């Protein structure tokens, strides 16, 4: 993957983490950012590696599904 893609994705994830406010505008912005990251992942899936490092985005998706 391109390093610019990974950097952009990391910046979006950081922005979503910063927007933890409970006001409506923060929630809307966080949802937009999270959907954008999901679309980026669909367009460029990450290679699967066996590791003991936890991927927080993957963990959140699994928790949301259950």
C-alpha atoms as a PDB file:
ATOM      1  CA  UNK A   1       0.000   0.000   0.000  1.00  0.00           C
ATOM      2  CA  UNK A   2       1.053   3.530  -0.584  1.00  0.00           C
ATOM      3  CA  UNK A   3       2.505   5.286   2.411  1.00  0.00           C
ATOM      4  CA  UNK A   4       0.270   8.309   1.713  1.00  0.00           C
ATOM      5  CA  UNK A   5      -2.794   6.050   1.913  1.00  0.00           C
ATOM      6  CA  UNK A   6      -1.661   4.648   5.253  1.00  0.00           C
ATOM      7  CA  UNK A   7      -0.850   8.117   6.565  1.00  0.00           C
ATOM      8  CA  UNK A   8      -4.251   9.484   5.493  1.00  0.00           C
ATOM      9  CA  UNK A   9      -6.001   6.531   7.110  1.00  0.00           C
ATOM     10  CA  UNK A  10      -4.060   7.031  10.355  1.00  0.00           C
ATOM     11  CA  UNK A  11      -4.949  10.737  10.399  1.00  0.00           C
ATOM     12  CA  UNK A  12      -8.636   9.937   9.917  1.00  0.00           C
ATOM     13  CA  UNK A  13      -8.554   7.397  12.745  1.00  0.00           C
ATOM     14  CA  UNK A  14      -6.886   9.958  15.021  1.00  0.00           C
ATOM     15  CA  UNK A  15      -9.514  12.554  14.112  1.00  0.00           C
ATOM     16  CA  UNK A  16     -12.292  10.091  14.929  1.00  0.00           C
ATOM     17  CA  UNK A  17     -10.671   9.373  18.295  1.00  0.00           C
ATOM     18  CA  UNK A  18     -10.451  13.097  19.067  1.00  0.00           C
ATOM     19  CA  UNK A  19     -14.140  13.615  18.285  1.00  0.00           C
ATOM     20  CA  UNK A  20     -15.467  11.825  21.350  1.00  0.00           C
ATOM     21  CA  UNK A  21     -17.845  14.617  22.343  1.00  0.00           C
ATOM     22  CA  UNK A  22     -21.491  13.834  22.956  1.00  0.00           C
ATOM     23  CA  UNK A  23     -22.829  16.803  21.008  1.00  0.00           C
ATOM     24  CA  UNK A  24     -24.632  16.114  17.735  1.00  0.00           C
ATOM     25  CA  UNK A  25     -22.051  17.771  15.479  1.00  0.00           C
ATOM     26  CA  UNK A  26     -19.151  15.759  16.932  1.00  0.00           C
ATOM     27  CA  UNK A  27     -21.104  12.537  16.533  1.00  0.00           C
ATOM     28  CA  UNK A  28     -21.939  13.337  12.902  1.00  0.00           C
ATOM     29  CA  UNK A  29     -18.315  14.163  12.088  1.00  0.00           C
ATOM     30  CA  UNK A  30     -17.091  11.005  13.840  1.00  0.00           C
ATOM     31  CA  UNK A  31     -19.590   8.906  11.854  1.00  0.00           C
ATOM     32  CA  UNK A  32     -18.474  10.480   8.579  1.00  0.00           C
ATOM     33  CA  UNK A  33     -14.817   9.800   9.384  1.00  0.00           C
ATOM     34  CA  UNK A  34     -15.498   6.210  10.445  1.00  0.00           C
ATOM     35  CA  UNK A  35     -17.477   5.544   7.246  1.00  0.00           C
ATOM     36  CA  UNK A  36     -14.667   7.067   5.181  1.00  0.00           C
ATOM     37  CA  UNK A  37     -12.114   4.783   6.835  1.00  0.00           C
ATOM     38  CA  UNK A  38     -14.394   1.795   6.213  1.00  0.00           C
ATOM     39  CA  UNK A  39     -14.690   2.744   2.531  1.00  0.00           C
ATOM     40  CA  UNK A  40     -10.910   3.097   2.319  1.00  0.00           C
ATOM     41  CA  UNK A  41     -10.516  -0.376   3.818  1.00  0.00           C
ATOM     42  CA  UNK A  42     -12.973  -1.806   1.296  1.00  0.00           C
ATOM     43  CA  UNK A  43     -11.020  -0.233  -1.560  1.00  0.00           C
ATOM     44  CA  UNK A  44      -7.610  -1.336  -0.226  1.00  0.00           C
ATOM     45  CA  UNK A  45      -7.881  -4.287   2.151  1.00  0.00           C
ATOM     46  CA  UNK A  46      -4.957  -4.686   4.499  1.00  0.00           C
ATOM     47  CA  UNK A  47      -2.825  -7.786   4.116  1.00  0.00           C
ATOM     48  CA  UNK A  48      -3.552 -10.307   6.857  1.00  0.00           C
ATOM     49  CA  UNK A  49      -0.578 -11.076   9.057  1.00  0.00           C
ATOM     50  CA  UNK A  50      -0.320 -13.252  12.114  1.00  0.00           C
ATOM     51  CA  UNK A  51       0.675 -11.042  14.979  1.00  0.00           C
ATOM     52  CA  UNK A  52       0.105 -10.495  18.662  1.00  0.00           C
ATOM     53  CA  UNK A  53      -0.675  -6.814  18.032  1.00  0.00           C
ATOM     54  CA  UNK A  54      -4.321  -5.814  18.469  1.00  0.00           C
ATOM     55  CA  UNK A  55      -5.899  -3.876  15.592  1.00  0.00           C
ATOM     56  CA  UNK A  56      -8.312  -1.516  17.356  1.00  0.00           C
ATOM     57  CA  UNK A  57     -10.419  -0.888  14.229  1.00  0.00           C
ATOM     58  CA  UNK A  58     -10.862  -4.620  13.712  1.00  0.00           C
ATOM     59  CA  UNK A  59     -11.673  -5.088  17.400  1.00  0.00           C
ATOM     60  CA  UNK A  60     -14.339  -2.342  17.275  1.00  0.00           C
ATOM     61  CA  UNK A  61     -15.925  -3.972  14.216  1.00  0.00           C
ATOM     62  CA  UNK A  62     -16.063  -7.359  15.932  1.00  0.00           C
ATOM     63  CA  UNK A  63     -17.593  -5.846  19.077  1.00  0.00           C
ATOM     64  CA  UNK A  64     -20.139  -3.899  17.016  1.00  0.00           C
ATOM     65  CA  UNK A  65     -21.215  -7.077  15.184  1.00  0.00           C
ATOM     66  CA  UNK A  66     -21.807  -9.037  18.382  1.00  0.00           C
END
